[in-house]
C-alpha atoms as a PDB file:
ATOM      1  CA  UNK A   1     -71.702   6.444 -55.812  1.00  0.00           C
ATOM      2  CA  UNK A   2     -67.972   7.147 -55.813  1.00  0.00           C
ATOM      3  CA  UNK A   3     -68.483   9.836 -53.221  1.00  0.00           C
ATOM      4  CA  UNK A   4     -70.296   7.432 -50.918  1.00  0.00           C
ATOM      5  CA  UNK A   5     -67.532   4.854 -51.198  1.00  0.00           C
ATOM      6  CA  UNK A   6     -64.924   7.471 -50.398  1.00  0.00           C
ATOM      7  CA  UNK A   7     -66.997   8.605 -47.441  1.00  0.00           C
ATOM      8  CA  UNK A   8     -67.321   5.080 -46.056  1.00  0.00           C
ATOM      9  CA  UNK A   9     -63.623   4.417 -46.577  1.00  0.00           C
ATOM     10  CA  UNK A  10     -62.731   7.589 -44.690  1.00  0.00           C
ATOM     11  CA  UNK A  11     -65.004   6.625 -41.824  1.00  0.00           C
ATOM     12  CA  UNK A  12     -63.468   3.144 -41.709  1.00  0.00           C
ATOM     13  CA  UNK A  13     -59.917   4.541 -41.622  1.00  0.00           C
ATOM     14  CA  UNK A  14     -60.810   6.976 -38.852  1.00  0.00           C
ATOM     15  CA  UNK A  15     -62.472   4.180 -36.890  1.00  0.00           C
ATOM     16  CA  UNK A  16     -59.413   1.916 -37.241  1.00  0.00           C
ATOM     17  CA  UNK A  17     -57.143   4.738 -36.205  1.00  0.00           C
ATOM     18  CA  UNK A  18     -59.355   5.336 -33.197  1.00  0.00           C
ATOM     19  CA  UNK A  19     -59.158   1.675 -32.240  1.00  0.00           C
ATOM     20  CA  UNK A  20     -55.381   1.590 -32.654  1.00  0.00           C
ATOM     21  CA  UNK A  21     -55.009   4.762 -30.665  1.00  0.00           C
ATOM     22  CA  UNK A  22     -57.226   3.366 -27.957  1.00  0.00           C
ATOM     23  CA  UNK A  23     -55.181   0.132 -27.959  1.00  0.00           C
ATOM     24  CA  UNK A  24     -51.940   2.069 -27.606  1.00  0.00           C
ATOM     25  CA  UNK A  25     -53.375   3.709 -24.525  1.00  0.00           C
ATOM     26  CA  UNK A  26     -53.648   0.272 -22.945  1.00  0.00           C
ATOM     27  CA  UNK A  27     -49.935  -0.397 -23.472  1.00  0.00           C
ATOM     28  CA  UNK A  28     -47.815   0.804 -20.572  1.00  0.00           C
ATOM     29  CA  UNK A  29     -44.286   1.863 -21.460  1.00  0.00           C
ATOM     30  CA  UNK A  30     -41.830   0.568 -18.876  1.00  0.00           C
ATOM     31  CA  UNK A  31     -38.293   1.850 -18.291  1.00  0.00           C
ATOM     32  CA  UNK A  32     -35.579   1.962 -15.641  1.00  0.00           C
ATOM     33  CA  UNK A  33     -37.661   4.207 -13.397  1.00  0.00           C
ATOM     34  CA  UNK A  34     -41.057   2.460 -13.314  1.00  0.00           C
ATOM     35  CA  UNK A  35     -40.281  -1.203 -14.094  1.00  0.00           C
ATOM     36  CA  UNK A  36     -41.009  -2.155 -10.468  1.00  0.00           C
ATOM     37  CA  UNK A  37     -44.703  -1.516 -11.154  1.00  0.00           C
ATOM     38  CA  UNK A  38     -44.897  -4.988 -12.686  1.00  0.00           C
ATOM     39  CA  UNK A  39     -44.046  -6.559  -9.306  1.00  0.00           C
ATOM     40  CA  UNK A  40     -47.681  -6.114  -8.245  1.00  0.00           C
ATOM     41  CA  UNK A  41     -50.630  -7.572 -10.148  1.00  0.00           C
ATOM     42  CA  UNK A  42     -50.615  -9.578 -13.387  1.00  0.00           C
ATOM     43  CA  UNK A  43     -48.696  -8.417 -16.439  1.00  0.00           C
ATOM     44  CA  UNK A  44     -47.725  -9.378 -19.971  1.00  0.00           C
ATOM     45  CA  UNK A  45     -44.548  -7.506 -20.950  1.00  0.00           C
ATOM     46  CA  UNK A  46     -42.835  -7.413 -24.342  1.00  0.00           C
ATOM     47  CA  UNK A  47     -39.146  -6.569 -24.810  1.00  0.00           C
ATOM     48  CA  UNK A  48     -38.496  -5.129 -28.264  1.00  0.00           C
ATOM     49  CA  UNK A  49     -36.235  -2.861 -30.309  1.00  0.00           C
ATOM     50  CA  UNK A  50     -37.329  -0.422 -33.044  1.00  0.00           C
ATOM     51  CA  UNK A  51     -34.806  -1.870 -35.523  1.00  0.00           C
ATOM     52  CA  UNK A  52     -35.977  -5.499 -35.005  1.00  0.00           C
ATOM     53  CA  UNK A  53     -38.083  -6.810 -37.968  1.00  0.00           C
ATOM     54  CA  UNK A  54     -39.821  -9.463 -35.844  1.00  0.00           C
ATOM     55  CA  UNK A  55     -40.746  -6.825 -33.297  1.00  0.00           C
ATOM     56  CA  UNK A  56     -42.278  -4.669 -36.033  1.00  0.00           C
ATOM     57  CA  UNK A  57     -44.348  -7.640 -37.211  1.00  0.00           C
ATOM     58  CA  UNK A  58     -45.608  -8.325 -33.676  1.00  0.00           C
ATOM     59  CA  UNK A  59     -46.490  -4.712 -32.949  1.00  0.00           C
ATOM     60  CA  UNK A  60     -50.069  -4.707 -34.419  1.00  0.00           C
ATOM     61  CA  UNK A  61     -50.895  -8.004 -32.710  1.00  0.00           C
ATOM     62  CA  UNK A  62     -49.568  -6.712 -29.404  1.00  0.00           C
ATOM     63  CA  UNK A  63     -51.673  -3.565 -29.669  1.00  0.00           C
ATOM     64  CA  UNK A  64     -54.766  -5.612 -30.405  1.00  0.00           C
ATOM     65  CA  UNK A  65     -54.046  -7.866 -27.442  1.00  0.00           C
ATOM     66  CA  UNK A  66     -53.582  -4.810 -25.228  1.00  0.00           C
ATOM     67  CA  UNK A  67     -57.139  -3.723 -26.065  1.00  0.00           C
ATOM     68  CA  UNK A  68     -58.354  -6.851 -24.215  1.00  0.00           C
ATOM     69  CA  UNK A  69     -56.445  -6.040 -21.057  1.00  0.00           C
ATOM     70  CA  UNK A  70     -59.570  -4.640 -19.375  1.00  0.00           C
ATOM     71  CA  UNK A  71     -61.591  -7.816 -19.953  1.00  0.00           C
ATOM     72  CA  UNK A  72     -58.688 -10.031 -18.903  1.00  0.00           C
ATOM     73  CA  UNK A  73     -57.958  -7.862 -15.847  1.00  0.00           C
ATOM     74  CA  UNK A  74     -54.256  -7.684 -16.611  1.00  0.00           C
ATOM     75  CA  UNK A  75     -51.795  -5.003 -17.641  1.00  0.00           C
ATOM     76  CA  UNK A  76     -49.858  -5.039 -20.906  1.00  0.00           C
ATOM     77  CA  UNK A  77     -46.456  -3.392 -21.078  1.00  0.00           C
ATOM     78  CA  UNK A  78     -43.536  -2.796 -23.428  1.00  0.00           C
ATOM     79  CA  UNK A  79     -39.817  -2.239 -22.861  1.00  0.00           C
ATOM     80  CA  UNK A  80     -37.590  -0.643 -25.489  1.00  0.00           C
ATOM     81  CA  UNK A  81     -34.177  -2.217 -24.857  1.00  0.00           C
ATOM     82  CA  UNK A  82     -32.407   0.584 -26.730  1.00  0.00           C
ATOM     83  CA  UNK A  83     -33.574   3.154 -24.193  1.00  0.00           C
ATOM     84  CA  UNK A  84     -33.573   0.805 -21.167  1.00  0.00           C
ATOM     85  CA  UNK A  85     -30.495  -1.457 -21.586  1.00  0.00           C
ATOM     86  CA  UNK A  86     -30.404  -2.169 -17.866  1.00  0.00           C
ATOM     87  CA  UNK A  87     -33.732  -4.006 -18.062  1.00  0.00           C
ATOM     88  CA  UNK A  88     -32.488  -6.251 -20.866  1.00  0.00           C
ATOM     89  CA  UNK A  89     -29.651  -7.299 -18.559  1.00  0.00           C
ATOM     90  CA  UNK A  90     -31.908  -7.603 -15.534  1.00  0.00           C
ATOM     91  CA  UNK A  91     -34.269  -9.973 -17.427  1.00  0.00           C
ATOM     92  CA  UNK A  92     -31.424 -11.645 -19.399  1.00  0.00           C
ATOM     93  CA  UNK A  93     -33.020 -10.882 -22.757  1.00  0.00           C
ATOM     94  CA  UNK A  94     -31.004 -12.707 -25.429  1.00  0.00           C
ATOM     95  CA  UNK A  95     -33.504 -12.585 -28.308  1.00  0.00           C
ATOM     96  CA  UNK A  96     -36.095 -10.119 -29.580  1.00  0.00           C
ATOM     97  CA  UNK A  97     -38.971  -9.963 -29.132  1.00  0.00           C
ATOM     98  CA  UNK A  98     -39.122 -11.612 -25.698  1.00  0.00           C
ATOM     99  CA  UNK A  99     -42.354 -11.794 -23.715  1.00  0.00           C
ATOM    100  CA  UNK A 100     -42.659 -12.296 -19.952  1.00  0.00           C
ATOM    101  CA  UNK A 101     -45.692 -13.119 -17.856  1.00  0.00           C
ATOM    102  CA  UNK A 102     -45.484 -11.600 -14.388  1.00  0.00           C
ATOM    103  CA  UNK A 103     -47.855 -12.230 -11.506  1.00  0.00           C
ATOM    104  CA  UNK A 104     -47.225 -11.020  -7.956  1.00  0.00           C
ATOM    105  CA  UNK A 105     -43.462 -10.870  -8.453  1.00  0.00           C
ATOM    106  CA  UNK A 106     -43.123 -14.278 -10.193  1.00  0.00           C
ATOM    107  CA  UNK A 107     -41.556 -14.138 -13.662  1.00  0.00           C
ATOM    108  CA  UNK A 108     -42.247 -16.643 -16.445  1.00  0.00           C
ATOM    109  CA  UNK A 109     -41.079 -16.421 -20.035  1.00  0.00           C
ATOM    110  CA  UNK A 110     -43.825 -16.889 -22.622  1.00  0.00           C
ATOM    111  CA  UNK A 111     -42.795 -19.269 -25.427  1.00  0.00           C
ATOM    112  CA  UNK A 112     -46.140 -19.961 -27.121  1.00  0.00           C
ATOM    113  CA  UNK A 113     -47.621 -18.754 -30.390  1.00  0.00           C
ATOM    114  CA  UNK A 114     -47.519 -15.023 -30.953  1.00  0.00           C
ATOM    115  CA  UNK A 115     -51.054 -14.174 -31.947  1.00  0.00           C
ATOM    116  CA  UNK A 116     -53.925 -12.501 -30.114  1.00  0.00           C
ATOM    117  CA  UNK A 117     -55.937 -15.654 -29.441  1.00  0.00           C
ATOM    118  CA  UNK A 118     -52.932 -17.500 -27.997  1.00  0.00           C
ATOM    119  CA  UNK A 119     -52.187 -14.589 -25.686  1.00  0.00           C
ATOM    120  CA  UNK A 120     -55.792 -14.450 -24.506  1.00  0.00           C
ATOM    121  CA  UNK A 121     -55.982 -18.224 -23.958  1.00  0.00           C
ATOM    122  CA  UNK A 122     -52.708 -18.157 -22.017  1.00  0.00           C
ATOM    123  CA  UNK A 123     -54.289 -15.711 -19.561  1.00  0.00           C
ATOM    124  CA  UNK A 124     -57.892 -16.978 -19.439  1.00  0.00           C
ATOM    125  CA  UNK A 125     -57.031 -20.657 -19.020  1.00  0.00           C
ATOM    126  CA  UNK A 126     -54.066 -19.857 -16.766  1.00  0.00           C
ATOM    127  CA  UNK A 127     -51.676 -21.859 -18.850  1.00  0.00           C
ATOM    128  CA  UNK A 128     -48.873 -19.918 -17.214  1.00  0.00           C
ATOM    129  CA  UNK A 129     -49.141 -22.305 -14.249  1.00  0.00           C
ATOM    130  CA  UNK A 130     -47.571 -25.051 -16.370  1.00  0.00           C
ATOM    131  CA  UNK A 131     -44.492 -22.887 -16.998  1.00  0.00           C
ATOM    132  CA  UNK A 132     -41.660 -22.971 -14.450  1.00  0.00           C
ATOM    133  CA  UNK A 133     -40.937 -19.539 -12.973  1.00  0.00           C
ATOM    134  CA  UNK A 134     -37.536 -17.919 -13.183  1.00  0.00           C
ATOM    135  CA  UNK A 135     -35.274 -19.256 -10.366  1.00  0.00           C
ATOM    136  CA  UNK A 136     -35.058 -17.092  -7.272  1.00  0.00           C
ATOM    137  CA  UNK A 137     -31.331 -16.430  -7.736  1.00  0.00           C
ATOM    138  CA  UNK A 138     -32.055 -15.209 -11.278  1.00  0.00           C
ATOM    139  CA  UNK A 139     -35.093 -13.104 -10.448  1.00  0.00           C
ATOM    140  CA  UNK A 140     -34.891  -9.561 -11.868  1.00  0.00           C
ATOM    141  CA  UNK A 141     -35.488  -7.930  -8.496  1.00  0.00           C
ATOM    142  CA  UNK A 142     -32.453  -9.553  -6.780  1.00  0.00           C
ATOM    143  CA  UNK A 143     -29.177  -7.838  -5.924  1.00  0.00           C
ATOM    144  CA  UNK A 144     -27.069  -9.886  -8.322  1.00  0.00           C
ATOM    145  CA  UNK A 145     -29.326  -9.071 -11.267  1.00  0.00           C
ATOM    146  CA  UNK A 146     -29.157  -5.408 -10.297  1.00  0.00           C
ATOM    147  CA  UNK A 147     -25.380  -5.669 -10.659  1.00  0.00           C
ATOM    148  CA  UNK A 148     -25.820  -7.276 -14.092  1.00  0.00           C
ATOM    149  CA  UNK A 149     -28.134  -4.426 -15.059  1.00  0.00           C
ATOM    150  CA  UNK A 150     -25.450  -1.924 -14.037  1.00  0.00           C
ATOM    151  CA  UNK A 151     -22.929  -3.634 -16.333  1.00  0.00           C
ATOM    152  CA  UNK A 152     -25.396  -3.445 -19.228  1.00  0.00           C
ATOM    153  CA  UNK A 153     -25.872   0.262 -18.567  1.00  0.00           C
ATOM    154  CA  UNK A 154     -22.116   0.743 -18.526  1.00  0.00           C
ATOM    155  CA  UNK A 155     -21.688  -1.122 -21.798  1.00  0.00           C
ATOM    156  CA  UNK A 156     -24.357   1.033 -23.439  1.00  0.00           C
ATOM    157  CA  UNK A 157     -22.661   4.175 -22.135  1.00  0.00           C
ATOM    158  CA  UNK A 158     -19.280   3.060 -23.493  1.00  0.00           C
ATOM    159  CA  UNK A 159     -20.834   2.318 -26.872  1.00  0.00           C
ATOM    160  CA  UNK A 160     -22.332   5.807 -26.943  1.00  0.00           C
ATOM    161  CA  UNK A 161     -18.952   7.351 -26.101  1.00  0.00           C
ATOM    162  CA  UNK A 162     -17.263   5.214 -28.754  1.00  0.00           C
ATOM    163  CA  UNK A 163     -19.700   6.388 -31.430  1.00  0.00           C
ATOM    164  CA  UNK A 164     -19.300   9.996 -30.289  1.00  0.00           C
ATOM    165  CA  UNK A 165     -15.496   9.858 -30.581  1.00  0.00           C
ATOM    166  CA  UNK A 166     -15.687   8.372 -34.049  1.00  0.00           C
ATOM    167  CA  UNK A 167     -18.374  10.710 -35.393  1.00  0.00           C
ATOM    168  CA  UNK A 168     -17.413  14.016 -33.762  1.00  0.00           C
ATOM    169  CA  UNK A 169     -13.599  13.749 -33.688  1.00  0.00           C
ATOM    170  CA  UNK A 170     -13.085  11.429 -36.627  1.00  0.00           C
ATOM    171  CA  UNK A 171     -10.998   8.948 -34.640  1.00  0.00           C
ATOM    172  CA  UNK A 172     -10.386   5.514 -36.140  1.00  0.00           C
ATOM    173  CA  UNK A 173     -11.697   2.459 -34.387  1.00  0.00           C
ATOM    174  CA  UNK A 174      -8.278   1.484 -33.006  1.00  0.00           C
ATOM    175  CA  UNK A 175      -7.778   5.010 -31.679  1.00  0.00           C
ATOM    176  CA  UNK A 176     -11.020   4.859 -29.711  1.00  0.00           C
ATOM    177  CA  UNK A 177     -10.083   1.425 -28.349  1.00  0.00           C
ATOM    178  CA  UNK A 178      -6.643   2.757 -27.320  1.00  0.00           C
ATOM    179  CA  UNK A 179      -8.268   5.549 -25.330  1.00  0.00           C
ATOM    180  CA  UNK A 180     -10.522   3.040 -23.574  1.00  0.00           C
ATOM    181  CA  UNK A 181      -7.524   0.791 -22.789  1.00  0.00           C
ATOM    182  CA  UNK A 182      -5.470   3.622 -21.256  1.00  0.00           C
ATOM    183  CA  UNK A 183      -8.467   4.824 -19.279  1.00  0.00           C
ATOM    184  CA  UNK A 184      -9.050   1.309 -17.952  1.00  0.00           C
ATOM    185  CA  UNK A 185      -5.393   0.953 -16.854  1.00  0.00           C
ATOM    186  CA  UNK A 186      -5.338   4.330 -15.089  1.00  0.00           C
ATOM    187  CA  UNK A 187      -8.706   3.734 -13.418  1.00  0.00           C
ATOM    188  CA  UNK A 188      -7.640   0.234 -12.304  1.00  0.00           C
ATOM    189  CA  UNK A 189      -4.404   1.550 -10.770  1.00  0.00           C
ATOM    190  CA  UNK A 190      -6.302   4.283  -8.934  1.00  0.00           C
ATOM    191  CA  UNK A 191      -8.910   1.867  -7.591  1.00  0.00           C
ATOM    192  CA  UNK A 192      -6.174  -0.569  -6.501  1.00  0.00           C
ATOM    193  CA  UNK A 193      -4.369   2.193  -4.592  1.00  0.00           C
ATOM    194  CA  UNK A 194      -7.624   3.282  -3.008  1.00  0.00           C
ATOM    195  CA  UNK A 195      -8.369  -0.302  -1.945  1.00  0.00           C
ATOM    196  CA  UNK A 196      -4.924  -0.670  -0.344  1.00  0.00           C
ATOM    197  CA  UNK A 197      -5.397   2.592   1.572  1.00  0.00           C
ATOM    198  CA  UNK A 198      -8.796   1.472   2.838  1.00  0.00           C
ATOM    199  CA  UNK A 199      -7.403  -1.896   3.965  1.00  0.00           C
ATOM    200  CA  UNK A 200      -4.489  -0.196   5.780  1.00  0.00           C
ATOM    201  CA  UNK A 201      -6.925   2.162   7.463  1.00  0.00           C
ATOM    202  CA  UNK A 202      -9.285  -0.587   8.589  1.00  0.00           C
ATOM    203  CA  UNK A 203      -6.547  -3.115   9.460  1.00  0.00           C
ATOM    204  CA  UNK A 204      -3.379  -1.117  10.243  1.00  0.00           C
ATOM    205  CA  UNK A 205      -0.145  -3.146  10.100  1.00  0.00           C
ATOM    206  CA  UNK A 206       1.217  -4.172  13.516  1.00  0.00           C
ATOM    207  CA  UNK A 207       4.943  -4.086  14.389  1.00  0.00           C
ATOM    208  CA  UNK A 208       6.782  -7.198  15.479  1.00  0.00           C
ATOM    209  CA  UNK A 209       6.375  -7.625  19.244  1.00  0.00           C
ATOM    210  CA  UNK A 210       8.426  -9.999  21.350  1.00  0.00           C
ATOM    211  CA  UNK A 211       6.799 -11.393  24.464  1.00  0.00           C
ATOM    212  CA  UNK A 212       8.742 -13.032  27.226  1.00  0.00           C
ATOM    213  CA  UNK A 213       7.512 -16.556  27.697  1.00  0.00           C
ATOM    214  CA  UNK A 214       6.765 -17.589  31.268  1.00  0.00           C
ATOM    215  CA  UNK A 215       9.368 -19.911  32.740  1.00  0.00           C
ATOM    216  CA  UNK A 216       8.735 -22.829  35.020  1.00  0.00           C
ATOM    217  CA  UNK A 217       9.656 -22.621  38.680  1.00  0.00           C
ATOM    218  CA  UNK A 218      11.725 -25.797  38.416  1.00  0.00           C
ATOM    219  CA  UNK A 219      13.756 -24.269  35.620  1.00  0.00           C
ATOM    220  CA  UNK A 220      14.438 -21.174  37.749  1.00  0.00           C
ATOM    221  CA  UNK A 221      15.605 -23.354  40.638  1.00  0.00           C
ATOM    222  CA  UNK A 222      17.925 -25.306  38.352  1.00  0.00           C
ATOM    223  CA  UNK A 223      19.398 -22.071  37.026  1.00  0.00           C
ATOM    224  CA  UNK A 224      20.059 -20.827  40.564  1.00  0.00           C
ATOM    225  CA  UNK A 225      21.745 -24.103  41.545  1.00  0.00           C
ATOM    226  CA  UNK A 226      23.903 -24.041  38.457  1.00  0.00           C
ATOM    227  CA  UNK A 227      25.036 -20.469  39.096  1.00  0.00           C
ATOM    228  CA  UNK A 228      25.793 -21.312  42.743  1.00  0.00           C
ATOM    229  CA  UNK A 229      27.892 -24.333  41.758  1.00  0.00           C
ATOM    230  CA  UNK A 230      29.778 -22.230  39.229  1.00  0.00           C
ATOM    231  CA  UNK A 231      30.598 -19.703  41.947  1.00  0.00           C
ATOM    232  CA  UNK A 232      31.918 -22.479  44.240  1.00  0.00           C
ATOM    233  CA  UNK A 233      34.176 -23.782  41.486  1.00  0.00           C
ATOM    234  CA  UNK A 234      35.526 -20.273  40.923  1.00  0.00           C
ATOM    235  CA  UNK A 235      36.275 -19.942  44.664  1.00  0.00           C
ATOM    236  CA  UNK A 236      38.126 -23.269  44.691  1.00  0.00           C
ATOM    237  CA  UNK A 237      40.221 -22.226  41.692  1.00  0.00           C
ATOM    238  CA  UNK A 238      41.164 -18.991  43.426  1.00  0.00           C
ATOM    239  CA  UNK A 239      42.214 -20.885  46.568  1.00  0.00           C
ATOM    240  CA  UNK A 240      44.356 -23.308  44.551  1.00  0.00           C
ATOM    241  CA  UNK A 241      46.060 -20.389  42.833  1.00  0.00           C
ATOM    242  CA  UNK A 242      46.865 -18.773  46.165  1.00  0.00           C
ATOM    243  CA  UNK A 243      48.352 -21.981  47.564  1.00  0.00           C
ATOM    244  CA  UNK A 244      50.560 -22.436  44.514  1.00  0.00           C
ATOM    245  CA  UNK A 245      51.815 -18.872  44.782  1.00  0.00           C
ATOM    246  CA  UNK A 246      52.686 -19.327  48.449  1.00  0.00           C
ATOM    247  CA  UNK A 247      54.608 -22.563  47.758  1.00  0.00           C
ATOM    248  CA  UNK A 248      56.520 -20.930  44.961  1.00  0.00           C
ATOM    249  CA  UNK A 249      57.640 -18.073  47.193  1.00  0.00           C
ATOM    250  CA  UNK A 250      58.872 -20.501  49.879  1.00  0.00           C
ATOM    251  CA  UNK A 251      60.995 -22.381  47.349  1.00  0.00           C
ATOM    252  CA  UNK A 252      62.570 -19.153  46.208  1.00  0.00           C
ATOM    253  CA  UNK A 253      63.479 -18.330  49.786  1.00  0.00           C
ATOM    254  CA  UNK A 254      65.187 -21.670  50.355  1.00  0.00           C
ATOM    255  CA  UNK A 255      67.196 -21.507  47.150  1.00  0.00           C
ATOM    256  CA  UNK A 256      68.341 -18.016  47.985  1.00  0.00           C
ATOM    257  CA  UNK A 257      69.580 -19.016  51.427  1.00  0.00           C
ATOM    258  CA  UNK A 258      71.725 -21.945  50.072  1.00  0.00           C
ATOM    259  CA  UNK A 259      73.510 -19.891  47.429  1.00  0.00           C
ATOM    260  CA  UNK A 260      74.326 -17.020  49.737  1.00  0.00           C
ATOM    261  CA  UNK A 261      76.124 -19.021  52.492  1.00  0.00           C
ATOM    262  CA  UNK A 262      79.505 -17.428  51.651  1.00  0.00           C
ATOM    263  CA  UNK A 263      78.179 -13.923  52.178  1.00  0.00           C
ATOM    264  CA  UNK A 264      78.566 -12.311  55.573  1.00  0.00           C
ATOM    265  CA  UNK A 265      75.963 -12.625  58.281  1.00  0.00           C
ATOM    266  CA  UNK A 266      74.894  -9.040  58.118  1.00  0.00           C
ATOM    267  CA  UNK A 267      74.095  -9.260  54.471  1.00  0.00           C
ATOM    268  CA  UNK A 268      72.245 -12.564  55.110  1.00  0.00           C
ATOM    269  CA  UNK A 269      70.217 -11.002  57.865  1.00  0.00           C
ATOM    270  CA  UNK A 270      69.416  -8.035  55.710  1.00  0.00           C
ATOM    271  CA  UNK A 271      68.406 -10.251  52.813  1.00  0.00           C
ATOM    272  CA  UNK A 272      66.244 -12.372  55.063  1.00  0.00           C
ATOM    273  CA  UNK A 273      64.649  -9.265  56.571  1.00  0.00           C
ATOM    274  CA  UNK A 274      64.012  -7.814  53.151  1.00  0.00           C
ATOM    275  CA  UNK A 275      62.515 -11.064  51.859  1.00  0.00           C
ATOM    276  CA  UNK A 276      60.445 -11.509  54.992  1.00  0.00           C
ATOM    277  CA  UNK A 277      59.257  -7.925  54.898  1.00  0.00           C
ATOM    278  CA  UNK A 278      58.351  -8.040  51.198  1.00  0.00           C
ATOM    279  CA  UNK A 279      54.662  -8.824  50.679  1.00  0.00           C
ATOM    280  CA  UNK A 280      53.624 -12.063  49.060  1.00  0.00           C
ATOM    281  CA  UNK A 281      52.070 -11.419  45.659  1.00  0.00           C
ATOM    282  CA  UNK A 282      49.191 -13.698  44.930  1.00  0.00           C
ATOM    283  CA  UNK A 283      48.780 -14.522  41.284  1.00  0.00           C
ATOM    284  CA  UNK A 284      45.716 -16.000  39.718  1.00  0.00           C
ATOM    285  CA  UNK A 285      45.858 -18.520  36.989  1.00  0.00           C
ATOM    286  CA  UNK A 286      43.937 -17.643  33.897  1.00  0.00           C
ATOM    287  CA  UNK A 287      40.612 -19.404  33.775  1.00  0.00           C
ATOM    288  CA  UNK A 288      39.695 -21.714  31.025  1.00  0.00           C
ATOM    289  CA  UNK A 289      36.991 -20.614  28.702  1.00  0.00           C
ATOM    290  CA  UNK A 290      33.635 -22.122  29.475  1.00  0.00           C
END
């Protein structure tokens, strides 16, 4: 009798293991490389972490629900956020476990009860239609969410490096942070210099250029008239200077003749000849400053 009970118990355990193994085959593991598969068809996707207690409690229910995927004509997937941090940023996963319903590229977050019957009813009765889809600007397949995913990948990489420095080299926490700070400063300076060089190459600086503005014809005529009038005034000043010089020389002649009356005639004639033969020097008065 004891042998029969042990035999039946063994058969039951093997059968349960077979069912669980078969259910696990229905669960599709999604990661950074194949997550786009959920953009076609209908999916139920769970985001979990191995260290999460709630995720561990949901795991048997999720496997049992996955065994119904054939009857429901859907696909059931799982995403481990510890191995695919970019997807947690792409879907903005803030709590674990998080479940999404996806149909033909439309994403809806499931917030109902987490048991097999509720999952099946949500699909069979199409209750997902009463749930608002994720806004288009926040959709996981957009460019901006791809950038967010890249930042999540970078943060995970930095955390890995931080743990490596502390475990392998025995650095204190502040020492690891100091290395990250110096690296950030050096990298920022390099990227800034590179950006300046690119801008100078694309938009080279132009030297100051002076262009001669076009002048009106009336202004040119006025300038010519003004210069002509200035020349006439200069000519009149020169003539006045010459007249004054000539008058001054005549006065000198007369004064010389009156004072030299007592001298002999020969000397007078000679002086008159010399004065008459001497050239008249024309002096110009200095012009006033304009």
